[in-house]
Amino acid sequence: MLKLKELRLQNDKTQAELAKKLNISRQVYSNYENLINEPSLELLVKMADFFECSVDYLLGREDDFGNITVTANGSLPKEEANLLRIYRSLPIELQGRMEAYAKRLDEMIRDEHS
């Protein structure tokens, strides 16, 4: 449920509001958002329908453009997984700053090699 909090905030919903829409308690929803428990497949589909995204996107297996973001064995290389964990733990506004910094680094490297 890597994307739940991000999607909930983008939709300007509280945990209680979203839990009510999904017909579950706020605490149960919070446990999903905080990776304490995992929802059933049926509930995953309900969540994806509510957010108008794929289940793969909801699970963090697919990016905004529909590209699969995990390897064939279902995991990222250790270094990439660590960066992703850090990124996802940041507030949304700091995620934007991290993305901008990464883009600047990429541009610097490209300029050095051109």
PDB file of N, CA and C in Angstrom:
ATOM      1  N   MET A   1       0.824  -1.165   0.000  1.00  0.00           N
ATOM      2  CA  MET A   1       0.000   0.000   0.000  1.00  0.00           C
ATOM      3  C   MET A   1       0.877   1.239   0.000  1.00  0.00           C
ATOM      4  N   LEU A   2       1.850   1.210  -0.804  1.00  0.00           N
ATOM      5  CA  LEU A   2       2.833   2.264  -0.824  1.00  0.00           C
ATOM      6  C   LEU A   2       2.270   3.606  -1.243  1.00  0.00           C
ATOM      7  N   LYS A   3       1.208   3.627  -2.007  1.00  0.00           N
ATOM      8  CA  LYS A   3       0.675   4.872  -2.553  1.00  0.00           C
ATOM      9  C   LYS A   3      -0.561   5.385  -1.815  1.00  0.00           C
ATOM     10  N   LEU A   4      -1.046   4.671  -0.828  1.00  0.00           N
ATOM     11  CA  LEU A   4      -2.317   5.038  -0.210  1.00  0.00           C
ATOM     12  C   LEU A   4      -2.322   6.443   0.364  1.00  0.00           C
ATOM     13  N   LYS A   5      -1.340   6.765   1.180  1.00  0.00           N
ATOM     14  CA  LYS A   5      -1.334   8.080   1.816  1.00  0.00           C
ATOM     15  C   LYS A   5      -1.220   9.187   0.775  1.00  0.00           C
ATOM     16  N   GLU A   6      -0.311   9.006  -0.167  1.00  0.00           N
ATOM     17  CA  GLU A   6      -0.128  10.001  -1.227  1.00  0.00           C
ATOM     18  C   GLU A   6      -1.439  10.245  -1.979  1.00  0.00           C
ATOM     19  N   LEU A   7      -2.102   9.173  -2.374  1.00  0.00           N
ATOM     20  CA  LEU A   7      -3.354   9.303  -3.123  1.00  0.00           C
ATOM     21  C   LEU A   7      -4.460   9.900  -2.264  1.00  0.00           C
ATOM     22  N   ARG A   8      -4.511   9.510  -1.006  1.00  0.00           N
ATOM     23  CA  ARG A   8      -5.535  10.054  -0.099  1.00  0.00           C
ATOM     24  C   ARG A   8      -5.363  11.564   0.045  1.00  0.00           C
ATOM     25  N   LEU A   9      -4.126  12.010   0.247  1.00  0.00           N
ATOM     26  CA  LEU A   9      -3.870  13.441   0.402  1.00  0.00           C
ATOM     27  C   LEU A   9      -4.152  14.202  -0.891  1.00  0.00           C
ATOM     28  N   GLN A  10      -3.803  13.600  -2.020  1.00  0.00           N
ATOM     29  CA  GLN A  10      -4.094  14.246  -3.307  1.00  0.00           C
ATOM     30  C   GLN A  10      -5.591  14.430  -3.514  1.00  0.00           C
ATOM     31  N   ASN A  11      -6.375  13.517  -2.940  1.00  0.00           N
ATOM     32  CA  ASN A  11      -7.830  13.588  -3.065  1.00  0.00           C
ATOM     33  C   ASN A  11      -8.478  14.347  -1.910  1.00  0.00           C
ATOM     34  N   ASP A  12      -7.636  14.970  -1.068  1.00  0.00           N
ATOM     35  CA  ASP A  12      -8.114  15.798   0.046  1.00  0.00           C
ATOM     36  C   ASP A  12      -9.113  15.053   0.931  1.00  0.00           C
ATOM     37  N   LYS A  13      -8.740  13.812   1.294  1.00  0.00           N
ATOM     38  CA  LYS A  13      -9.585  12.983   2.154  1.00  0.00           C
ATOM     39  C   LYS A  13      -8.860  12.686   3.458  1.00  0.00           C
ATOM     40  N   THR A  14      -9.622  12.556   4.534  1.00  0.00           N
ATOM     41  CA  THR A  14      -9.051  12.080   5.792  1.00  0.00           C
ATOM     42  C   THR A  14      -9.086  10.556   5.783  1.00  0.00           C
ATOM     43  N   GLN A  15      -8.366   9.956   6.706  1.00  0.00           N
ATOM     44  CA  GLN A  15      -8.426   8.497   6.819  1.00  0.00           C
ATOM     45  C   GLN A  15      -9.859   8.064   7.123  1.00  0.00           C
ATOM     46  N   ALA A  16     -10.540   8.807   7.985  1.00  0.00           N
ATOM     47  CA  ALA A  16     -11.916   8.444   8.354  1.00  0.00           C
ATOM     48  C   ALA A  16     -12.851   8.505   7.141  1.00  0.00           C
ATOM     49  N   GLU A  17     -12.708   9.546   6.318  1.00  0.00           N
ATOM     50  CA  GLU A  17     -13.562   9.675   5.132  1.00  0.00           C
ATOM     51  C   GLU A  17     -13.332   8.526   4.157  1.00  0.00           C
ATOM     52  N   LEU A  18     -12.078   8.202   3.938  1.00  0.00           N
ATOM     53  CA  LEU A  18     -11.775   7.131   2.997  1.00  0.00           C
ATOM     54  C   LEU A  18     -12.218   5.783   3.551  1.00  0.00           C
ATOM     55  N   ALA A  19     -12.004   5.569   4.837  1.00  0.00           N
ATOM     56  CA  ALA A  19     -12.436   4.315   5.462  1.00  0.00           C
ATOM     57  C   ALA A  19     -13.945   4.137   5.314  1.00  0.00           C
ATOM     58  N   LYS A  20     -14.683   5.225   5.495  1.00  0.00           N
ATOM     59  CA  LYS A  20     -16.141   5.156   5.356  1.00  0.00           C
ATOM     60  C   LYS A  20     -16.528   4.765   3.930  1.00  0.00           C
ATOM     61  N   LYS A  21     -15.860   5.368   2.942  1.00  0.00           N
ATOM     62  CA  LYS A  21     -16.137   5.033   1.529  1.00  0.00           C
ATOM     63  C   LYS A  21     -15.856   3.558   1.242  1.00  0.00           C
ATOM     64  N   LEU A  22     -14.846   3.007   1.920  1.00  0.00           N
ATOM     65  CA  LEU A  22     -14.449   1.617   1.686  1.00  0.00           C
ATOM     66  C   LEU A  22     -15.181   0.637   2.608  1.00  0.00           C
ATOM     67  N   ASN A  23     -16.018   1.193   3.498  1.00  0.00           N
ATOM     68  CA  ASN A  23     -16.794   0.382   4.432  1.00  0.00           C
ATOM     69  C   ASN A  23     -15.901  -0.408   5.400  1.00  0.00           C
ATOM     70  N   ILE A  24     -14.862   0.271   5.894  1.00  0.00           N
ATOM     71  CA  ILE A  24     -13.974  -0.308   6.901  1.00  0.00           C
ATOM     72  C   ILE A  24     -13.760   0.738   7.994  1.00  0.00           C
ATOM     73  N   SER A  25     -13.181   0.341   9.116  1.00  0.00           N
ATOM     74  CA  SER A  25     -12.924   1.311  10.177  1.00  0.00           C
ATOM     75  C   SER A  25     -11.692   2.159   9.848  1.00  0.00           C
ATOM     76  N   ARG A  26     -11.613   3.330  10.484  1.00  0.00           N
ATOM     77  CA  ARG A  26     -10.466   4.194  10.278  1.00  0.00           C
ATOM     78  C   ARG A  26      -9.183   3.498  10.719  1.00  0.00           C
ATOM     79  N   GLN A  27      -9.244   2.748  11.806  1.00  0.00           N
ATOM     80  CA  GLN A  27      -8.053   2.060  12.297  1.00  0.00           C
ATOM     81  C   GLN A  27      -7.580   0.992  11.309  1.00  0.00           C
ATOM     82  N   VAL A  28      -8.515   0.264  10.733  1.00  0.00           N
ATOM     83  CA  VAL A  28      -8.151  -0.744   9.726  1.00  0.00           C
ATOM     84  C   VAL A  28      -7.489  -0.057   8.533  1.00  0.00           C
ATOM     85  N   TYR A  29      -8.090   1.061   8.087  1.00  0.00           N
ATOM     86  CA  TYR A  29      -7.489   1.796   6.974  1.00  0.00           C
ATOM     87  C   TYR A  29      -6.089   2.286   7.348  1.00  0.00           C
ATOM     88  N   SER A  30      -5.952   2.849   8.531  1.00  0.00           N
ATOM     89  CA  SER A  30      -4.654   3.348   8.993  1.00  0.00           C
ATOM     90  C   SER A  30      -3.610   2.238   8.992  1.00  0.00           C
ATOM     91  N   ASN A  31      -4.012   1.050   9.388  1.00  0.00           N
ATOM     92  CA  ASN A  31      -3.082  -0.088   9.392  1.00  0.00           C
ATOM     93  C   ASN A  31      -2.612  -0.421   7.976  1.00  0.00           C
ATOM     94  N   TYR A  32      -3.472  -0.268   6.980  1.00  0.00           N
ATOM     95  CA  TYR A  32      -3.064  -0.484   5.581  1.00  0.00           C
ATOM     96  C   TYR A  32      -2.089   0.607   5.141  1.00  0.00           C
ATOM     97  N   GLU A  33      -2.443   1.843   5.454  1.00  0.00           N
ATOM     98  CA  GLU A  33      -1.609   2.974   5.038  1.00  0.00           C
ATOM     99  C   GLU A  33      -0.217   2.900   5.683  1.00  0.00           C
ATOM    100  N   ASN A  34      -0.158   2.399   6.901  1.00  0.00           N
ATOM    101  CA  ASN A  34       1.109   2.310   7.631  1.00  0.00           C
ATOM    102  C   ASN A  34       1.792   0.953   7.486  1.00  0.00           C
ATOM    103  N   LEU A  35       1.303   0.154   6.544  1.00  0.00           N
ATOM    104  CA  LEU A  35       1.904  -1.141   6.201  1.00  0.00           C
ATOM    105  C   LEU A  35       1.924  -2.126   7.367  1.00  0.00           C
ATOM    106  N   ILE A  36       0.957  -1.995   8.274  1.00  0.00           N
ATOM    107  CA  ILE A  36       0.849  -2.932   9.396  1.00  0.00           C
ATOM    108  C   ILE A  36       0.107  -4.192   8.942  1.00  0.00           C
ATOM    109  N   ASN A  37      -0.932  -3.989   8.152  1.00  0.00           N
ATOM    110  CA  ASN A  37      -1.707  -5.091   7.577  1.00  0.00           C
ATOM    111  C   ASN A  37      -1.861  -4.873   6.082  1.00  0.00           C
ATOM    112  N   GLU A  38      -2.274  -5.921   5.377  1.00  0.00           N
ATOM    113  CA  GLU A  38      -2.508  -5.829   3.937  1.00  0.00           C
ATOM    114  C   GLU A  38      -3.979  -6.106   3.647  1.00  0.00           C
ATOM    115  N   PRO A  39      -4.570  -5.313   2.754  1.00  0.00           N
ATOM    116  CA  PRO A  39      -5.983  -5.523   2.434  1.00  0.00           C
ATOM    117  C   PRO A  39      -6.184  -6.760   1.559  1.00  0.00           C
ATOM    118  N   SER A  40      -7.408  -7.208   1.541  1.00  0.00           N
ATOM    119  CA  SER A  40      -7.769  -8.324   0.663  1.00  0.00           C
ATOM    120  C   SER A  40      -7.700  -7.857  -0.781  1.00  0.00           C
ATOM    121  N   LEU A  41      -7.691  -8.805  -1.690  1.00  0.00           N
ATOM    122  CA  LEU A  41      -7.688  -8.478  -3.115  1.00  0.00           C
ATOM    123  C   LEU A  41      -8.936  -7.673  -3.480  1.00  0.00           C
ATOM    124  N   GLU A  42     -10.055  -8.060  -2.927  1.00  0.00           N
ATOM    125  CA  GLU A  42     -11.311  -7.349  -3.186  1.00  0.00           C
ATOM    126  C   GLU A  42     -11.210  -5.885  -2.755  1.00  0.00           C
ATOM    127  N   LEU A  43     -10.625  -5.639  -1.589  1.00  0.00           N
ATOM    128  CA  LEU A  43     -10.489  -4.278  -1.097  1.00  0.00           C
ATOM    129  C   LEU A  43      -9.459  -3.493  -1.915  1.00  0.00           C
ATOM    130  N   LEU A  44      -8.398  -4.161  -2.360  1.00  0.00           N
ATOM    131  CA  LEU A  44      -7.425  -3.507  -3.242  1.00  0.00           C
ATOM    132  C   LEU A  44      -8.106  -2.982  -4.504  1.00  0.00           C
ATOM    133  N   VAL A  45      -8.974  -3.793  -5.068  1.00  0.00           N
ATOM    134  CA  VAL A  45      -9.693  -3.394  -6.282  1.00  0.00           C
ATOM    135  C   VAL A  45     -10.604  -2.204  -5.975  1.00  0.00           C
ATOM    136  N   LYS A  46     -11.291  -2.217  -4.820  1.00  0.00           N
ATOM    137  CA  LYS A  46     -12.140  -1.089  -4.432  1.00  0.00           C
ATOM    138  C   LYS A  46     -11.317   0.195  -4.305  1.00  0.00           C
ATOM    139  N   MET A  47     -10.135   0.064  -3.695  1.00  0.00           N
ATOM    140  CA  MET A  47      -9.262   1.227  -3.526  1.00  0.00           C
ATOM    141  C   MET A  47      -8.803   1.759  -4.884  1.00  0.00           C
ATOM    142  N   ALA A  48      -8.399   0.854  -5.759  1.00  0.00           N
ATOM    143  CA  ALA A  48      -7.954   1.257  -7.088  1.00  0.00           C
ATOM    144  C   ALA A  48      -9.099   1.924  -7.845  1.00  0.00           C
ATOM    145  N   ASP A  49     -10.294   1.393  -7.720  1.00  0.00           N
ATOM    146  CA  ASP A  49     -11.456   2.008  -8.368  1.00  0.00           C
ATOM    147  C   ASP A  49     -11.706   3.407  -7.808  1.00  0.00           C
ATOM    148  N   PHE A  50     -11.622   3.547  -6.486  1.00  0.00           N
ATOM    149  CA  PHE A  50     -11.858   4.858  -5.869  1.00  0.00           C
ATOM    150  C   PHE A  50     -10.844   5.881  -6.377  1.00  0.00           C
ATOM    151  N   PHE A  51      -9.568   5.495  -6.427  1.00  0.00           N
ATOM    152  CA  PHE A  51      -8.514   6.420  -6.841  1.00  0.00           C
ATOM    153  C   PHE A  51      -8.347   6.485  -8.368  1.00  0.00           C
ATOM    154  N   GLU A  52      -9.125   5.674  -9.079  1.00  0.00           N
ATOM    155  CA  GLU A  52      -9.061   5.620 -10.540  1.00  0.00           C
ATOM    156  C   GLU A  52      -7.645   5.338 -11.028  1.00  0.00           C
ATOM    157  N   CYS A  53      -7.076   4.259 -10.491  1.00  0.00           N
ATOM    158  CA  CYS A  53      -5.736   3.832 -10.879  1.00  0.00           C
ATOM    159  C   CYS A  53      -5.721   2.306 -10.933  1.00  0.00           C
ATOM    160  N   SER A  54      -4.616   1.749 -11.380  1.00  0.00           N
ATOM    161  CA  SER A  54      -4.494   0.291 -11.391  1.00  0.00           C
ATOM    162  C   SER A  54      -4.058  -0.205 -10.012  1.00  0.00           C
ATOM    163  N   VAL A  55      -4.314  -1.459  -9.746  1.00  0.00           N
ATOM    164  CA  VAL A  55      -3.836  -2.064  -8.507  1.00  0.00           C
ATOM    165  C   VAL A  55      -2.309  -2.033  -8.484  1.00  0.00           C
ATOM    166  N   ASP A  56      -1.669  -2.261  -9.638  1.00  0.00           N
ATOM    167  CA  ASP A  56      -0.202  -2.187  -9.700  1.00  0.00           C
ATOM    168  C   ASP A  56       0.298  -0.805  -9.301  1.00  0.00           C
ATOM    169  N   TYR A  57      -0.370   0.252  -9.741  1.00  0.00           N
ATOM    170  CA  TYR A  57       0.038   1.607  -9.353  1.00  0.00           C
ATOM    171  C   TYR A  57      -0.142   1.784  -7.853  1.00  0.00           C
ATOM    172  N   LEU A  58      -1.264   1.338  -7.328  1.00  0.00           N
ATOM    173  CA  LEU A  58      -1.550   1.440  -5.907  1.00  0.00           C
ATOM    174  C   LEU A  58      -0.473   0.748  -5.076  1.00  0.00           C
ATOM    175  N   LEU A  59       0.012  -0.378  -5.571  1.00  0.00           N
ATOM    176  CA  LEU A  59       1.032  -1.148  -4.858  1.00  0.00           C
ATOM    177  C   LEU A  59       2.456  -0.647  -5.106  1.00  0.00           C
ATOM    178  N   GLY A  60       2.591   0.358  -5.967  1.00  0.00           N
ATOM    179  CA  GLY A  60       3.920   0.884  -6.249  1.00  0.00           C
ATOM    180  C   GLY A  60       4.696   0.078  -7.262  1.00  0.00           C
ATOM    181  N   ARG A  61       4.005  -0.791  -8.002  1.00  0.00           N
ATOM    182  CA  ARG A  61       4.662  -1.626  -9.010  1.00  0.00           C
ATOM    183  C   ARG A  61       4.656  -0.977 -10.381  1.00  0.00           C
ATOM    184  N   GLU A  62       3.959   0.147 -10.503  1.00  0.00           N
ATOM    185  CA  GLU A  62       3.783   0.794 -11.795  1.00  0.00           C
ATOM    186  C   GLU A  62       3.858   2.303 -11.567  1.00  0.00           C
ATOM    187  N   ASP A  63       4.500   3.023 -12.487  1.00  0.00           N
ATOM    188  CA  ASP A  63       4.587   4.474 -12.335  1.00  0.00           C
ATOM    189  C   ASP A  63       3.364   5.156 -12.954  1.00  0.00           C
ATOM    190  N   ASP A  64       3.379   6.487 -12.966  1.00  0.00           N
ATOM    191  CA  ASP A  64       2.244   7.262 -13.488  1.00  0.00           C
ATOM    192  C   ASP A  64       1.957   6.993 -14.956  1.00  0.00           C
ATOM    193  N   PHE A  65       2.924   6.461 -15.674  1.00  0.00           N
ATOM    194  CA  PHE A  65       2.778   6.242 -17.110  1.00  0.00           C
ATOM    195  C   PHE A  65       2.491   4.787 -17.464  1.00  0.00           C
ATOM    196  N   GLY A  66       2.260   3.943 -16.459  1.00  0.00           N
ATOM    197  CA  GLY A  66       1.953   2.544 -16.709  1.00  0.00           C
ATOM    198  C   GLY A  66       3.169   1.665 -16.889  1.00  0.00           C
ATOM    199  N   ASN A  67       4.376   2.202 -16.610  1.00  0.00           N
ATOM    200  CA  ASN A  67       5.593   1.405 -16.723  1.00  0.00           C
ATOM    201  C   ASN A  67       5.801   0.592 -15.453  1.00  0.00           C
ATOM    202  N   ILE A  68       6.075  -0.689 -15.613  1.00  0.00           N
ATOM    203  CA  ILE A  68       6.350  -1.541 -14.457  1.00  0.00           C
ATOM    204  C   ILE A  68       7.660  -1.091 -13.835  1.00  0.00           C
ATOM    205  N   THR A  69       7.676  -0.956 -12.503  1.00  0.00           N
ATOM    206  CA  THR A  69       8.838  -0.393 -11.822  1.00  0.00           C
ATOM    207  C   THR A  69       9.604  -1.399 -10.966  1.00  0.00           C
ATOM    208  N   VAL A  70       9.258  -2.671 -11.066  1.00  0.00           N
ATOM    209  CA  VAL A  70       9.979  -3.693 -10.303  1.00  0.00           C
ATOM    210  C   VAL A  70      10.609  -4.682 -11.259  1.00  0.00           C
ATOM    211  N   THR A  71      11.606  -5.413 -10.774  1.00  0.00           N
ATOM    212  CA  THR A  71      12.280  -6.395 -11.603  1.00  0.00           C
ATOM    213  C   THR A  71      11.442  -7.665 -11.704  1.00  0.00           C
ATOM    214  N   ALA A  72      11.891  -8.602 -12.527  1.00  0.00           N
ATOM    215  CA  ALA A  72      11.156  -9.843 -12.754  1.00  0.00           C
ATOM    216  C   ALA A  72      10.939 -10.622 -11.460  1.00  0.00           C
ATOM    217  N   ASN A  73      11.888 -10.542 -10.528  1.00  0.00           N
ATOM    218  CA  ASN A  73      11.717 -11.288  -9.280  1.00  0.00           C
ATOM    219  C   ASN A  73      10.909 -10.503  -8.247  1.00  0.00           C
ATOM    220  N   GLY A  74      10.392  -9.331  -8.640  1.00  0.00           N
ATOM    221  CA  GLY A  74       9.504  -8.584  -7.765  1.00  0.00           C
ATOM    222  C   GLY A  74      10.188  -7.598  -6.847  1.00  0.00           C
ATOM    223  N   SER A  75      11.461  -7.348  -7.028  1.00  0.00           N
ATOM    224  CA  SER A  75      12.133  -6.412  -6.141  1.00  0.00           C
ATOM    225  C   SER A  75      13.080  -5.508  -6.911  1.00  0.00           C
ATOM    226  N   LEU A  76      13.358  -4.369  -6.327  1.00  0.00           N
ATOM    227  CA  LEU A  76      14.335  -3.449  -6.884  1.00  0.00           C
ATOM    228  C   LEU A  76      15.711  -3.797  -6.349  1.00  0.00           C
ATOM    229  N   PRO A  77      16.756  -3.398  -7.053  1.00  0.00           N
ATOM    230  CA  PRO A  77      18.089  -3.540  -6.470  1.00  0.00           C
ATOM    231  C   PRO A  77      18.133  -2.805  -5.129  1.00  0.00           C
ATOM    232  N   LYS A  78      18.943  -3.276  -4.208  1.00  0.00           N
ATOM    233  CA  LYS A  78      18.999  -2.772  -2.831  1.00  0.00           C
ATOM    234  C   LYS A  78      19.147  -1.248  -2.771  1.00  0.00           C
ATOM    235  N   GLU A  79      20.064  -0.691  -3.557  1.00  0.00           N
ATOM    236  CA  GLU A  79      20.310   0.750  -3.531  1.00  0.00           C
ATOM    237  C   GLU A  79      19.085   1.538  -3.991  1.00  0.00           C
ATOM    238  N   GLU A  80      18.444   1.053  -5.054  1.00  0.00           N
ATOM    239  CA  GLU A  80      17.253   1.729  -5.565  1.00  0.00           C
ATOM    240  C   GLU A  80      16.095   1.616  -4.576  1.00  0.00           C
ATOM    241  N   ALA A  81      15.946   0.469  -3.972  1.00  0.00           N
ATOM    242  CA  ALA A  81      14.881   0.276  -2.991  1.00  0.00           C
ATOM    243  C   ALA A  81      15.079   1.216  -1.804  1.00  0.00           C
ATOM    244  N   ASN A  82      16.321   1.419  -1.391  1.00  0.00           N
ATOM    245  CA  ASN A  82      16.594   2.320  -0.273  1.00  0.00           C
ATOM    246  C   ASN A  82      16.243   3.759  -0.641  1.00  0.00           C
ATOM    247  N   LEU A  83      16.631   4.192  -1.841  1.00  0.00           N
ATOM    248  CA  LEU A  83      16.277   5.546  -2.282  1.00  0.00           C
ATOM    249  C   LEU A  83      14.765   5.721  -2.373  1.00  0.00           C
ATOM    250  N   LEU A  84      14.084   4.710  -2.878  1.00  0.00           N
ATOM    251  CA  LEU A  84      12.639   4.769  -2.993  1.00  0.00           C
ATOM    252  C   LEU A  84      11.985   4.830  -1.614  1.00  0.00           C
ATOM    253  N   ARG A  85      12.508   4.058  -0.670  1.00  0.00           N
ATOM    254  CA  ARG A  85      11.981   4.073   0.705  1.00  0.00           C
ATOM    255  C   ARG A  85      12.123   5.467   1.304  1.00  0.00           C
ATOM    256  N   ILE A  86      13.293   6.080   1.117  1.00  0.00           N
ATOM    257  CA  ILE A  86      13.515   7.429   1.634  1.00  0.00           C
ATOM    258  C   ILE A  86      12.551   8.409   0.983  1.00  0.00           C
ATOM    259  N   TYR A  87      12.463   8.340  -0.341  1.00  0.00           N
ATOM    260  CA  TYR A  87      11.581   9.244  -1.088  1.00  0.00           C
ATOM    261  C   TYR A  87      10.142   9.125  -0.601  1.00  0.00           C
ATOM    262  N   ARG A  88       9.649   7.926  -0.469  1.00  0.00           N
ATOM    263  CA  ARG A  88       8.254   7.708  -0.084  1.00  0.00           C
ATOM    264  C   ARG A  88       7.975   8.103   1.357  1.00  0.00           C
ATOM    265  N   SER A  89       9.006   8.175   2.193  1.00  0.00           N
ATOM    266  CA  SER A  89       8.799   8.565   3.580  1.00  0.00           C
ATOM    267  C   SER A  89       8.735  10.080   3.748  1.00  0.00           C
ATOM    268  N   LEU A  90       9.134  10.824   2.719  1.00  0.00           N
ATOM    269  CA  LEU A  90       9.135  12.287   2.788  1.00  0.00           C
ATOM    270  C   LEU A  90       7.742  12.860   2.571  1.00  0.00           C
ATOM    271  N   PRO A  91       7.476  14.025   3.175  1.00  0.00           N
ATOM    272  CA  PRO A  91       6.231  14.730   2.830  1.00  0.00           C
ATOM    273  C   PRO A  91       6.251  15.073   1.342  1.00  0.00           C
ATOM    274  N   ILE A  92       5.086  15.235   0.745  1.00  0.00           N
ATOM    275  CA  ILE A  92       4.973  15.451  -0.699  1.00  0.00           C
ATOM    276  C   ILE A  92       5.816  16.634  -1.170  1.00  0.00           C
ATOM    277  N   GLU A  93       5.816  17.735  -0.402  1.00  0.00           N
ATOM    278  CA  GLU A  93       6.585  18.903  -0.846  1.00  0.00           C
ATOM    279  C   GLU A  93       8.087  18.617  -0.877  1.00  0.00           C
ATOM    280  N   LEU A  94       8.575  17.796   0.039  1.00  0.00           N
ATOM    281  CA  LEU A  94       9.992  17.438   0.023  1.00  0.00           C
ATOM    282  C   LEU A  94      10.292  16.408  -1.063  1.00  0.00           C
ATOM    283  N   GLN A  95       9.307  15.590  -1.430  1.00  0.00           N
ATOM    284  CA  GLN A  95       9.503  14.682  -2.554  1.00  0.00           C
ATOM    285  C   GLN A  95       9.786  15.479  -3.816  1.00  0.00           C
ATOM    286  N   GLY A  96       9.079  16.585  -3.998  1.00  0.00           N
ATOM    287  CA  GLY A  96       9.305  17.442  -5.157  1.00  0.00           C
ATOM    288  C   GLY A  96      10.712  18.017  -5.165  1.00  0.00           C
ATOM    289  N   ARG A  97      11.205  18.403  -4.008  1.00  0.00           N
ATOM    290  CA  ARG A  97      12.568  18.936  -3.923  1.00  0.00           C
ATOM    291  C   ARG A  97      13.591  17.853  -4.232  1.00  0.00           C
ATOM    292  N   MET A  98      13.321  16.626  -3.757  1.00  0.00           N
ATOM    293  CA  MET A  98      14.241  15.523  -4.029  1.00  0.00           C
ATOM    294  C   MET A  98      14.259  15.212  -5.521  1.00  0.00           C
ATOM    295  N   GLU A  99      13.100  15.235  -6.158  1.00  0.00           N
ATOM    296  CA  GLU A  99      13.017  14.996  -7.606  1.00  0.00           C
ATOM    297  C   GLU A  99      13.795  16.068  -8.370  1.00  0.00           C
ATOM    298  N   ALA A 100      13.626  17.333  -7.966  1.00  0.00           N
ATOM    299  CA  ALA A 100      14.330  18.428  -8.649  1.00  0.00           C
ATOM    300  C   ALA A 100      15.842  18.266  -8.494  1.00  0.00           C
ATOM    301  N   TYR A 101      16.288  17.875  -7.321  1.00  0.00           N
ATOM    302  CA  TYR A 101      17.712  17.670  -7.089  1.00  0.00           C
ATOM    303  C   TYR A 101      18.235  16.528  -7.964  1.00  0.00           C
ATOM    304  N   ALA A 102      17.484  15.437  -8.032  1.00  0.00           N
ATOM    305  CA  ALA A 102      17.902  14.296  -8.860  1.00  0.00           C
ATOM    306  C   ALA A 102      17.976  14.695 -10.329  1.00  0.00           C
ATOM    307  N   LYS A 103      17.036  15.499 -10.781  1.00  0.00           N
ATOM    308  CA  LYS A 103      17.064  15.965 -12.176  1.00  0.00           C
ATOM    309  C   LYS A 103      18.291  16.832 -12.435  1.00  0.00           C
ATOM    310  N   ARG A 104      18.633  17.709 -11.479  1.00  0.00           N
ATOM    311  CA  ARG A 104      19.832  18.550 -11.645  1.00  0.00           C
ATOM    312  C   ARG A 104      21.088  17.690 -11.714  1.00  0.00           C
ATOM    313  N   LEU A 105      21.162  16.669 -10.861  1.00  0.00           N
ATOM    314  CA  LEU A 105      22.314  15.757 -10.903  1.00  0.00           C
ATOM    315  C   LEU A 105      22.408  15.058 -12.255  1.00  0.00           C
ATOM    316  N   ASP A 106      21.270  14.596 -12.749  1.00  0.00           N
ATOM    317  CA  ASP A 106      21.236  13.921 -14.040  1.00  0.00           C
ATOM    318  C   ASP A 106      21.714  14.856 -15.149  1.00  0.00           C
ATOM    319  N   GLU A 107      21.251  16.103 -15.121  1.00  0.00           N
ATOM    320  CA  GLU A 107      21.675  17.077 -16.133  1.00  0.00           C
ATOM    321  C   GLU A 107      23.176  17.339 -16.057  1.00  0.00           C
ATOM    322  N   MET A 108      23.708  17.448 -14.832  1.00  0.00           N
ATOM    323  CA  MET A 108      25.141  17.677 -14.655  1.00  0.00           C
ATOM    324  C   MET A 108      25.941  16.525 -15.255  1.00  0.00           C
ATOM    325  N   ILE A 109      25.515  15.312 -14.994  1.00  0.00           N
ATOM    326  CA  ILE A 109      26.217  14.139 -15.499  1.00  0.00           C
ATOM    327  C   ILE A 109      26.147  14.090 -17.016  1.00  0.00           C
ATOM    328  N   ARG A 110      24.966  14.378 -17.571  1.00  0.00           N
ATOM    329  CA  ARG A 110      24.811  14.386 -19.028  1.00  0.00           C
ATOM    330  C   ARG A 110      25.698  15.446 -19.675  1.00  0.00           C
ATOM    331  N   ASP A 111      25.776  16.638 -19.043  1.00  0.00           N
ATOM    332  CA  ASP A 111      26.614  17.710 -19.569  1.00  0.00           C
ATOM    333  C   ASP A 111      28.091  17.318 -19.542  1.00  0.00           C
ATOM    334  N   GLU A 112      28.520  16.626 -18.496  1.00  0.00           N
ATOM    335  CA  GLU A 112      29.919  16.194 -18.379  1.00  0.00           C
ATOM    336  C   GLU A 112      30.290  15.186 -19.446  1.00  0.00           C
ATOM    337  N   HIS A 113      29.321  14.384 -19.883  1.00  0.00           N
ATOM    338  CA  HIS A 113      29.591  13.321 -20.848  1.00  0.00           C
ATOM    339  C   HIS A 113      29.217  13.683 -22.270  1.00  0.00           C
ATOM    340  N   SER A 114      28.910  14.949 -22.507  1.00  0.00           N
ATOM    341  CA  SER A 114      28.554  15.326 -23.882  1.00  0.00           C
ATOM    342  C   SER A 114      29.624  16.201 -24.504  1.00  0.00           C
TER     343      SER A 114
END
